[in-house]
N, C-alpha and C. Protein backbone atom coordinates (compact mmCIF):
# COMPACT_ATOMS: atom_id res chain seq x y z
N MET A 1 32.14 1.71 19.23
CA MET A 1 32.21 2.40 17.96
C MET A 1 31.55 3.77 18.13
N LYS A 2 32.13 4.78 17.45
CA LYS A 2 31.56 6.12 17.50
C LYS A 2 31.73 6.81 16.16
N LYS A 3 30.93 7.84 15.94
CA LYS A 3 31.04 8.65 14.74
C LYS A 3 30.67 10.07 15.11
N ASP A 4 31.58 11.01 14.86
CA ASP A 4 31.34 12.43 15.10
C ASP A 4 31.15 13.13 13.77
N ILE A 5 30.00 13.80 13.61
CA ILE A 5 29.61 14.38 12.34
C ILE A 5 29.26 15.85 12.53
N ILE A 6 29.84 16.69 11.67
CA ILE A 6 29.44 18.09 11.61
C ILE A 6 28.63 18.28 10.34
N LEU A 7 27.45 18.85 10.49
CA LEU A 7 26.59 19.20 9.36
C LEU A 7 26.58 20.72 9.25
N CYS A 8 26.71 21.24 8.03
CA CYS A 8 26.71 22.70 7.91
C CYS A 8 26.14 23.14 6.57
N GLY A 9 25.69 24.38 6.56
CA GLY A 9 25.13 25.00 5.37
C GLY A 9 24.53 26.32 5.76
N VAL A 10 23.55 26.77 4.98
CA VAL A 10 22.85 28.01 5.31
C VAL A 10 21.36 27.71 5.47
N GLY A 11 20.68 28.62 6.12
CA GLY A 11 19.27 28.44 6.40
C GLY A 11 18.47 28.13 5.15
N GLY A 12 17.62 27.13 5.24
CA GLY A 12 16.76 26.76 4.13
C GLY A 12 17.28 25.64 3.26
N GLN A 13 18.51 25.17 3.51
CA GLN A 13 19.09 24.11 2.68
C GLN A 13 18.77 22.71 3.19
N GLY A 14 18.17 22.59 4.35
CA GLY A 14 17.77 21.28 4.86
C GLY A 14 18.79 20.59 5.73
N ILE A 15 19.74 21.33 6.28
CA ILE A 15 20.76 20.74 7.15
C ILE A 15 20.11 20.11 8.39
N LEU A 16 19.16 20.79 8.97
CA LEU A 16 18.53 20.25 10.18
C LEU A 16 17.65 19.06 9.86
N SER A 17 17.14 18.97 8.64
CA SER A 17 16.40 17.76 8.23
C SER A 17 17.35 16.57 8.14
N ILE A 18 18.56 16.79 7.62
CA ILE A 18 19.56 15.71 7.59
C ILE A 18 19.86 15.26 9.02
N ALA A 19 20.05 16.23 9.92
CA ALA A 19 20.34 15.90 11.33
C ALA A 19 19.19 15.10 11.94
N THR A 20 17.96 15.47 11.62
CA THR A 20 16.79 14.77 12.15
C THR A 20 16.76 13.33 11.65
N VAL A 21 17.03 13.11 10.37
CA VAL A 21 17.01 11.76 9.81
C VAL A 21 18.10 10.91 10.44
N ILE A 22 19.31 11.44 10.55
CA ILE A 22 20.41 10.68 11.17
C ILE A 22 20.07 10.38 12.63
N GLY A 23 19.55 11.38 13.34
CA GLY A 23 19.17 11.18 14.74
C GLY A 23 18.08 10.13 14.90
N GLU A 24 17.10 10.16 14.02
CA GLU A 24 16.02 9.16 14.05
C GLU A 24 16.57 7.76 13.81
N ALA A 25 17.46 7.61 12.83
CA ALA A 25 18.06 6.30 12.55
C ALA A 25 18.89 5.83 13.74
N ALA A 26 19.65 6.72 14.33
CA ALA A 26 20.50 6.37 15.47
C ALA A 26 19.65 5.91 16.65
N THR A 27 18.60 6.65 16.93
CA THR A 27 17.72 6.30 18.05
C THR A 27 17.06 4.96 17.83
N LYS A 28 16.56 4.74 16.62
CA LYS A 28 15.87 3.48 16.30
C LYS A 28 16.81 2.27 16.42
N THR A 29 18.09 2.47 16.10
CA THR A 29 19.05 1.36 16.16
C THR A 29 19.67 1.19 17.54
N GLY A 30 19.28 2.05 18.48
CA GLY A 30 19.76 1.91 19.85
C GLY A 30 21.08 2.59 20.15
N LEU A 31 21.55 3.43 19.25
CA LEU A 31 22.79 4.15 19.50
C LEU A 31 22.56 5.29 20.48
N LYS A 32 23.62 5.68 21.14
CA LYS A 32 23.58 6.86 21.98
C LYS A 32 23.84 8.06 21.07
N LEU A 33 23.20 9.18 21.38
CA LEU A 33 23.25 10.35 20.51
C LEU A 33 23.32 11.62 21.33
N LYS A 34 24.19 12.53 20.93
CA LYS A 34 24.22 13.89 21.47
C LYS A 34 24.23 14.81 20.27
N GLN A 35 23.51 15.93 20.40
CA GLN A 35 23.41 16.86 19.29
C GLN A 35 23.42 18.29 19.80
N ALA A 36 24.12 19.15 19.10
CA ALA A 36 24.11 20.59 19.37
C ALA A 36 23.92 21.29 18.04
N GLU A 37 23.10 22.34 18.02
CA GLU A 37 22.81 23.05 16.78
C GLU A 37 23.03 24.54 16.95
N VAL A 38 23.41 25.19 15.85
CA VAL A 38 23.51 26.64 15.79
C VAL A 38 22.64 27.08 14.63
N HIS A 39 21.72 27.99 14.92
CA HIS A 39 20.81 28.52 13.89
C HIS A 39 21.11 30.01 13.73
N GLY A 40 22.22 30.37 13.14
CA GLY A 40 22.61 31.77 12.98
C GLY A 40 21.83 32.46 11.88
N MET A 41 20.79 33.18 12.24
CA MET A 41 19.99 33.90 11.25
C MET A 41 19.51 32.96 10.15
N SER A 42 19.19 31.73 10.52
CA SER A 42 18.86 30.70 9.53
C SER A 42 17.67 31.06 8.66
N GLN A 43 16.76 31.85 9.17
CA GLN A 43 15.62 32.26 8.37
C GLN A 43 16.04 33.15 7.20
N ARG A 44 17.23 33.76 7.31
CA ARG A 44 17.68 34.71 6.30
C ARG A 44 18.90 34.21 5.56
N GLY A 45 19.12 32.93 5.51
CA GLY A 45 20.26 32.40 4.78
C GLY A 45 21.55 32.42 5.57
N GLY A 46 21.46 32.52 6.88
CA GLY A 46 22.65 32.53 7.72
C GLY A 46 23.15 31.13 8.01
N ASP A 47 24.25 31.07 8.71
CA ASP A 47 24.92 29.82 9.06
C ASP A 47 24.00 28.90 9.86
N VAL A 48 23.96 27.65 9.45
CA VAL A 48 23.28 26.60 10.21
C VAL A 48 24.28 25.47 10.37
N GLN A 49 24.46 25.02 11.59
CA GLN A 49 25.46 23.99 11.86
C GLN A 49 24.95 23.08 12.97
N SER A 50 25.28 21.80 12.85
CA SER A 50 24.88 20.83 13.86
C SER A 50 26.04 19.88 14.13
N ASN A 51 26.31 19.64 15.39
CA ASN A 51 27.24 18.59 15.82
C ASN A 51 26.41 17.36 16.17
N LEU A 52 26.69 16.24 15.54
CA LEU A 52 26.04 14.98 15.87
C LEU A 52 27.10 14.01 16.34
N ARG A 53 26.90 13.47 17.52
CA ARG A 53 27.84 12.49 18.07
C ARG A 53 27.05 11.20 18.29
N LEU A 54 27.45 10.15 17.59
CA LEU A 54 26.79 8.85 17.67
C LEU A 54 27.77 7.84 18.25
N SER A 55 27.28 6.97 19.12
CA SER A 55 28.19 6.01 19.73
C SER A 55 27.44 4.82 20.31
N THR A 56 28.15 3.71 20.40
CA THR A 56 27.64 2.55 21.12
C THR A 56 27.92 2.69 22.62
N GLU A 57 28.80 3.63 22.98
CA GLU A 57 29.17 3.88 24.37
C GLU A 57 28.60 5.23 24.82
N GLU A 58 28.70 5.52 26.11
CA GLU A 58 28.21 6.79 26.64
C GLU A 58 28.98 7.96 26.02
N ILE A 59 28.26 9.05 25.76
CA ILE A 59 28.84 10.28 25.20
C ILE A 59 28.72 11.35 26.27
N PHE A 60 29.81 12.04 26.56
CA PHE A 60 29.79 13.00 27.66
C PHE A 60 29.57 14.44 27.22
N SER A 61 29.85 14.77 25.98
CA SER A 61 29.67 16.14 25.51
C SER A 61 28.94 16.14 24.18
N ASP A 62 28.16 17.18 23.95
CA ASP A 62 27.46 17.27 22.67
C ASP A 62 28.28 18.04 21.62
N LEU A 63 29.42 18.57 22.01
CA LEU A 63 30.26 19.33 21.08
C LEU A 63 31.46 18.50 20.63
N ILE A 64 31.77 18.59 19.36
CA ILE A 64 32.92 17.88 18.78
C ILE A 64 34.15 18.76 18.92
N PRO A 65 35.21 18.26 19.55
CA PRO A 65 36.43 19.07 19.67
C PRO A 65 37.12 19.28 18.33
N LYS A 66 37.90 20.34 18.24
CA LYS A 66 38.67 20.59 17.02
C LYS A 66 39.55 19.39 16.72
N GLY A 67 39.62 19.05 15.44
CA GLY A 67 40.45 17.94 14.99
C GLY A 67 39.88 16.56 15.22
N LYS A 68 38.61 16.45 15.61
CA LYS A 68 38.04 15.15 15.97
C LYS A 68 36.84 14.71 15.14
N ALA A 69 36.33 15.56 14.25
CA ALA A 69 35.16 15.17 13.44
C ALA A 69 35.56 14.11 12.42
N ASP A 70 34.75 13.07 12.34
CA ASP A 70 34.98 12.01 11.35
C ASP A 70 34.48 12.42 9.97
N ILE A 71 33.40 13.21 9.94
CA ILE A 71 32.79 13.62 8.68
C ILE A 71 32.28 15.05 8.82
N ILE A 72 32.48 15.83 7.76
CA ILE A 72 31.77 17.10 7.61
C ILE A 72 30.84 16.90 6.42
N ILE A 73 29.56 17.11 6.66
CA ILE A 73 28.54 17.01 5.61
C ILE A 73 28.03 18.42 5.39
N SER A 74 28.21 18.93 4.17
CA SER A 74 27.90 20.33 3.92
C SER A 74 27.11 20.54 2.63
N MET A 75 26.08 21.37 2.72
CA MET A 75 25.31 21.75 1.54
C MET A 75 25.91 22.97 0.86
N GLU A 76 26.91 23.62 1.48
CA GLU A 76 27.44 24.86 0.95
C GLU A 76 28.97 24.86 1.08
N PRO A 77 29.70 25.05 -0.01
CA PRO A 77 31.16 24.89 0.04
C PRO A 77 31.89 25.88 0.95
N MET A 78 31.48 27.14 0.99
CA MET A 78 32.17 28.09 1.87
C MET A 78 31.92 27.74 3.33
N GLU A 79 30.69 27.35 3.65
CA GLU A 79 30.40 26.96 5.03
C GLU A 79 31.22 25.74 5.42
N CYS A 80 31.45 24.86 4.49
CA CYS A 80 32.28 23.68 4.75
C CYS A 80 33.68 24.10 5.20
N LEU A 81 34.26 25.06 4.51
CA LEU A 81 35.61 25.51 4.85
C LEU A 81 35.69 26.07 6.26
N ARG A 82 34.61 26.68 6.71
CA ARG A 82 34.57 27.26 8.06
C ARG A 82 34.82 26.21 9.15
N TYR A 83 34.40 24.97 8.89
CA TYR A 83 34.47 23.92 9.90
C TYR A 83 35.64 22.96 9.71
N LEU A 84 36.51 23.20 8.74
CA LEU A 84 37.65 22.31 8.52
C LEU A 84 38.56 22.14 9.75
N PRO A 85 38.73 23.15 10.60
CA PRO A 85 39.56 22.93 11.80
C PRO A 85 39.03 21.81 12.71
N TYR A 86 37.77 21.44 12.56
CA TYR A 86 37.19 20.38 13.39
C TYR A 86 37.40 18.99 12.80
N LEU A 87 37.80 18.91 11.55
CA LEU A 87 37.95 17.63 10.86
C LEU A 87 39.22 16.92 11.33
N SER A 88 39.09 15.63 11.61
CA SER A 88 40.27 14.85 11.98
C SER A 88 41.14 14.64 10.73
N PRO A 89 42.43 14.35 10.91
CA PRO A 89 43.30 14.13 9.75
C PRO A 89 42.79 13.02 8.82
N GLU A 90 42.10 12.03 9.36
CA GLU A 90 41.56 10.92 8.56
C GLU A 90 40.13 11.18 8.12
N GLY A 91 39.54 12.29 8.56
CA GLY A 91 38.14 12.58 8.30
C GLY A 91 37.87 12.90 6.84
N ILE A 92 36.60 12.78 6.47
CA ILE A 92 36.17 13.03 5.10
C ILE A 92 35.18 14.19 5.04
N VAL A 93 35.26 14.94 3.96
CA VAL A 93 34.30 16.00 3.67
C VAL A 93 33.39 15.52 2.56
N VAL A 94 32.09 15.60 2.79
CA VAL A 94 31.08 15.28 1.78
C VAL A 94 30.29 16.57 1.59
N THR A 95 30.42 17.18 0.40
CA THR A 95 29.84 18.50 0.22
C THR A 95 29.27 18.71 -1.17
N SER A 96 28.35 19.64 -1.24
CA SER A 96 27.89 20.15 -2.52
C SER A 96 28.90 21.18 -2.99
N SER A 97 29.15 21.21 -4.27
CA SER A 97 30.05 22.22 -4.84
C SER A 97 29.28 23.46 -5.28
N LYS A 98 27.97 23.43 -5.12
CA LYS A 98 27.13 24.53 -5.60
C LYS A 98 27.05 25.63 -4.54
N PRO A 99 27.63 26.79 -4.82
CA PRO A 99 27.60 27.88 -3.84
C PRO A 99 26.20 28.47 -3.65
N PHE A 100 25.97 28.94 -2.46
CA PHE A 100 24.78 29.72 -2.14
C PHE A 100 25.30 31.12 -1.82
N VAL A 101 25.34 31.96 -2.82
CA VAL A 101 25.95 33.29 -2.68
C VAL A 101 24.96 34.20 -1.97
N ASN A 102 25.23 34.43 -0.69
CA ASN A 102 24.30 35.19 0.13
C ASN A 102 24.95 36.42 0.79
N ILE A 103 26.20 36.70 0.41
CA ILE A 103 26.90 37.87 0.94
C ILE A 103 27.61 38.57 -0.21
N PRO A 104 27.80 39.89 -0.12
CA PRO A 104 28.40 40.62 -1.23
C PRO A 104 29.86 40.24 -1.51
N ASP A 105 30.61 39.85 -0.50
CA ASP A 105 32.02 39.53 -0.71
C ASP A 105 32.27 38.02 -0.71
N TYR A 106 31.32 37.27 -1.27
CA TYR A 106 31.47 35.82 -1.37
C TYR A 106 32.73 35.52 -2.18
N PRO A 107 33.54 34.55 -1.75
CA PRO A 107 34.79 34.26 -2.46
C PRO A 107 34.56 33.79 -3.90
N GLU A 108 35.59 33.96 -4.71
CA GLU A 108 35.53 33.49 -6.08
C GLU A 108 35.33 31.98 -6.07
N GLU A 109 34.36 31.50 -6.85
CA GLU A 109 33.97 30.09 -6.84
C GLU A 109 35.14 29.16 -7.16
N SER A 110 35.95 29.48 -8.16
CA SER A 110 37.04 28.58 -8.54
C SER A 110 38.07 28.45 -7.42
N ALA A 111 38.36 29.55 -6.72
CA ALA A 111 39.32 29.50 -5.61
C ALA A 111 38.76 28.65 -4.46
N LEU A 112 37.49 28.82 -4.21
CA LEU A 112 36.81 28.06 -3.16
C LEU A 112 36.86 26.56 -3.45
N LEU A 113 36.53 26.19 -4.68
CA LEU A 113 36.51 24.77 -5.06
C LEU A 113 37.92 24.20 -5.12
N ASP A 114 38.91 25.00 -5.54
CA ASP A 114 40.30 24.54 -5.54
C ASP A 114 40.77 24.21 -4.13
N GLU A 115 40.37 25.05 -3.17
CA GLU A 115 40.74 24.78 -1.78
C GLU A 115 40.12 23.47 -1.29
N LEU A 116 38.87 23.24 -1.63
CA LEU A 116 38.23 21.98 -1.25
C LEU A 116 38.90 20.79 -1.94
N LYS A 117 39.23 20.93 -3.22
CA LYS A 117 39.85 19.83 -3.97
C LYS A 117 41.23 19.47 -3.44
N SER A 118 41.84 20.35 -2.66
CA SER A 118 43.15 20.05 -2.08
C SER A 118 43.05 19.15 -0.85
N LEU A 119 41.83 18.91 -0.37
CA LEU A 119 41.66 18.06 0.82
C LEU A 119 41.95 16.61 0.47
N PRO A 120 42.56 15.87 1.40
CA PRO A 120 42.91 14.48 1.10
C PRO A 120 41.72 13.53 0.98
N HIS A 121 40.62 13.83 1.68
CA HIS A 121 39.45 12.94 1.68
C HIS A 121 38.22 13.78 1.38
N LEU A 122 37.78 13.75 0.13
CA LEU A 122 36.70 14.62 -0.31
C LEU A 122 35.78 13.88 -1.26
N GLU A 123 34.48 14.07 -1.05
CA GLU A 123 33.48 13.65 -2.03
C GLU A 123 32.62 14.87 -2.29
N MET A 124 32.61 15.34 -3.54
CA MET A 124 31.95 16.59 -3.86
C MET A 124 31.20 16.47 -5.18
N ARG A 125 29.97 16.96 -5.18
CA ARG A 125 29.15 17.04 -6.39
C ARG A 125 28.29 18.29 -6.31
N SER A 126 27.85 18.77 -7.46
CA SER A 126 26.94 19.90 -7.50
C SER A 126 25.54 19.39 -7.15
N LEU A 127 25.04 19.80 -6.00
CA LEU A 127 23.76 19.30 -5.49
C LEU A 127 22.86 20.44 -5.05
N GLU A 128 21.58 20.19 -5.12
CA GLU A 128 20.60 21.11 -4.55
C GLU A 128 19.70 20.40 -3.55
N ASN A 129 19.82 19.08 -3.43
CA ASN A 129 18.91 18.32 -2.58
C ASN A 129 19.65 17.76 -1.37
N ASN A 130 19.13 18.06 -0.20
CA ASN A 130 19.77 17.61 1.03
C ASN A 130 19.77 16.09 1.21
N MET A 131 18.73 15.41 0.76
CA MET A 131 18.70 13.96 0.91
C MET A 131 19.66 13.27 -0.06
N THR A 132 19.96 13.90 -1.20
CA THR A 132 21.00 13.38 -2.09
C THR A 132 22.35 13.48 -1.39
N LEU A 133 22.58 14.59 -0.71
CA LEU A 133 23.82 14.76 0.06
C LEU A 133 23.91 13.70 1.16
N LEU A 134 22.81 13.44 1.85
CA LEU A 134 22.81 12.40 2.88
C LEU A 134 23.13 11.04 2.27
N GLY A 135 22.59 10.76 1.10
CA GLY A 135 22.91 9.50 0.41
C GLY A 135 24.39 9.38 0.12
N MET A 136 25.01 10.47 -0.33
CA MET A 136 26.47 10.46 -0.57
C MET A 136 27.22 10.17 0.72
N ALA A 137 26.77 10.79 1.80
CA ALA A 137 27.46 10.65 3.09
C ALA A 137 27.23 9.29 3.73
N ALA A 138 26.13 8.62 3.39
CA ALA A 138 25.76 7.36 4.04
C ALA A 138 26.87 6.32 3.95
N LYS A 139 27.61 6.32 2.85
CA LYS A 139 28.71 5.35 2.68
C LYS A 139 29.81 5.55 3.72
N HIS A 140 29.89 6.76 4.28
CA HIS A 140 30.98 7.10 5.19
C HIS A 140 30.55 7.12 6.65
N ILE A 141 29.25 7.10 6.90
CA ILE A 141 28.76 7.17 8.28
C ILE A 141 29.07 5.87 9.01
N GLY A 142 28.81 4.74 8.37
CA GLY A 142 29.24 3.45 8.90
C GLY A 142 28.50 2.92 10.10
N ILE A 143 28.31 3.72 11.11
CA ILE A 143 27.67 3.26 12.34
C ILE A 143 26.17 3.04 12.15
N ILE A 144 25.62 3.63 11.07
CA ILE A 144 24.22 3.45 10.68
C ILE A 144 24.23 3.02 9.22
N SER A 145 23.45 2.01 8.87
CA SER A 145 23.43 1.54 7.49
C SER A 145 22.58 2.45 6.59
N ALA A 146 22.80 2.33 5.30
CA ALA A 146 22.00 3.08 4.33
C ALA A 146 20.53 2.70 4.46
N GLU A 147 20.24 1.44 4.68
CA GLU A 147 18.84 1.01 4.81
C GLU A 147 18.20 1.62 6.06
N GLU A 148 18.96 1.71 7.15
CA GLU A 148 18.43 2.34 8.36
C GLU A 148 18.15 3.83 8.13
N LEU A 149 19.00 4.49 7.37
CA LEU A 149 18.77 5.90 7.03
C LEU A 149 17.55 6.05 6.13
N ARG A 150 17.42 5.15 5.15
CA ARG A 150 16.25 5.16 4.25
C ARG A 150 14.95 4.99 5.03
N ASP A 151 14.96 4.05 5.98
CA ASP A 151 13.79 3.83 6.83
C ASP A 151 13.48 5.07 7.68
N ALA A 152 14.53 5.73 8.17
CA ALA A 152 14.35 6.94 8.97
C ALA A 152 13.74 8.06 8.14
N ILE A 153 14.12 8.15 6.86
CA ILE A 153 13.51 9.15 5.97
C ILE A 153 12.00 8.92 5.91
N ALA A 154 11.58 7.67 5.80
CA ALA A 154 10.15 7.35 5.75
C ALA A 154 9.45 7.80 7.03
N ARG A 155 10.06 7.56 8.18
CA ARG A 155 9.43 7.95 9.44
C ARG A 155 9.40 9.47 9.61
N VAL A 156 10.50 10.13 9.29
CA VAL A 156 10.58 11.58 9.48
C VAL A 156 9.60 12.33 8.57
N PHE A 157 9.46 11.87 7.33
CA PHE A 157 8.62 12.59 6.37
C PHE A 157 7.22 12.00 6.21
N SER A 158 6.87 10.99 6.98
CA SER A 158 5.59 10.29 6.81
C SER A 158 4.39 11.22 6.94
N ALA A 159 4.45 12.20 7.81
CA ALA A 159 3.32 13.12 8.00
C ALA A 159 3.06 13.98 6.77
N LYS A 160 4.04 14.08 5.89
CA LYS A 160 3.88 14.90 4.67
C LYS A 160 3.33 14.10 3.50
N GLY A 161 3.14 12.79 3.70
CA GLY A 161 2.52 11.97 2.67
C GLY A 161 3.52 11.10 1.92
N ASP A 162 2.96 10.09 1.26
CA ASP A 162 3.77 9.09 0.55
C ASP A 162 4.62 9.69 -0.56
N GLU A 163 4.09 10.68 -1.27
CA GLU A 163 4.84 11.27 -2.38
C GLU A 163 6.12 11.94 -1.89
N ILE A 164 6.04 12.65 -0.78
CA ILE A 164 7.22 13.32 -0.22
C ILE A 164 8.22 12.28 0.29
N VAL A 165 7.73 11.24 0.94
CA VAL A 165 8.61 10.16 1.39
C VAL A 165 9.34 9.55 0.20
N GLU A 166 8.60 9.20 -0.83
CA GLU A 166 9.20 8.57 -2.02
C GLU A 166 10.20 9.50 -2.70
N ARG A 167 9.88 10.77 -2.80
CA ARG A 167 10.79 11.74 -3.43
C ARG A 167 12.10 11.84 -2.64
N ASN A 168 11.99 11.88 -1.32
CA ASN A 168 13.19 11.98 -0.49
C ASN A 168 14.01 10.70 -0.51
N GLN A 169 13.34 9.55 -0.52
CA GLN A 169 14.09 8.29 -0.62
C GLN A 169 14.76 8.14 -1.99
N LYS A 170 14.10 8.60 -3.03
CA LYS A 170 14.69 8.54 -4.37
C LYS A 170 15.93 9.44 -4.42
N ALA A 171 15.86 10.63 -3.84
CA ALA A 171 17.02 11.53 -3.78
C ALA A 171 18.16 10.89 -3.00
N PHE A 172 17.82 10.27 -1.87
CA PHE A 172 18.83 9.56 -1.06
C PHE A 172 19.51 8.46 -1.91
N ASP A 173 18.70 7.66 -2.59
CA ASP A 173 19.23 6.57 -3.42
C ASP A 173 20.16 7.11 -4.51
N GLU A 174 19.79 8.23 -5.10
CA GLU A 174 20.62 8.84 -6.14
C GLU A 174 22.01 9.19 -5.59
N GLY A 175 22.03 9.79 -4.40
CA GLY A 175 23.31 10.12 -3.77
C GLY A 175 24.12 8.90 -3.38
N PHE A 176 23.43 7.88 -2.89
CA PHE A 176 24.10 6.67 -2.43
C PHE A 176 24.64 5.84 -3.59
N ASN A 177 23.90 5.75 -4.67
CA ASN A 177 24.27 4.85 -5.77
C ASN A 177 25.15 5.49 -6.84
N ASN A 178 25.34 6.78 -6.81
CA ASN A 178 26.16 7.44 -7.85
C ASN A 178 27.45 8.00 -7.30
């Protein structure tokens, strides 16, 4: 079994935190994992993207080929569209519909959302919390259970204290249960 996931958004939205939680859960459950990240001016709201490849078998490359991603998980709708060529025909997009307008020629919001709504497999909500987005995506990841992801949130955020762990798990639960 394998799962190829592209995570995308802009700097500061928590995309790499989602990647860390998924990676922690995968490692704890004994899955094989390869990851590649792009931090394009992430400190200034630039593109942030991560390829996560999870498998029960050996993985030879850390990059997902075009047309092979099982899931695109995105905190930003325009960034999501950038990676659609990597999505498999059966793949699903899990994204926030809330734009992060960080460039002067950002596309018109309604046109952007209409393009996303034309996708055959889409789950979209207006979100500001990365762990809520992970909760939405958890139903589609499959190779890792929601409980394993919840436990990984506790491990990843434990150094920040119980309140932060609880807040992130509550956000995850909100995404998963709604």
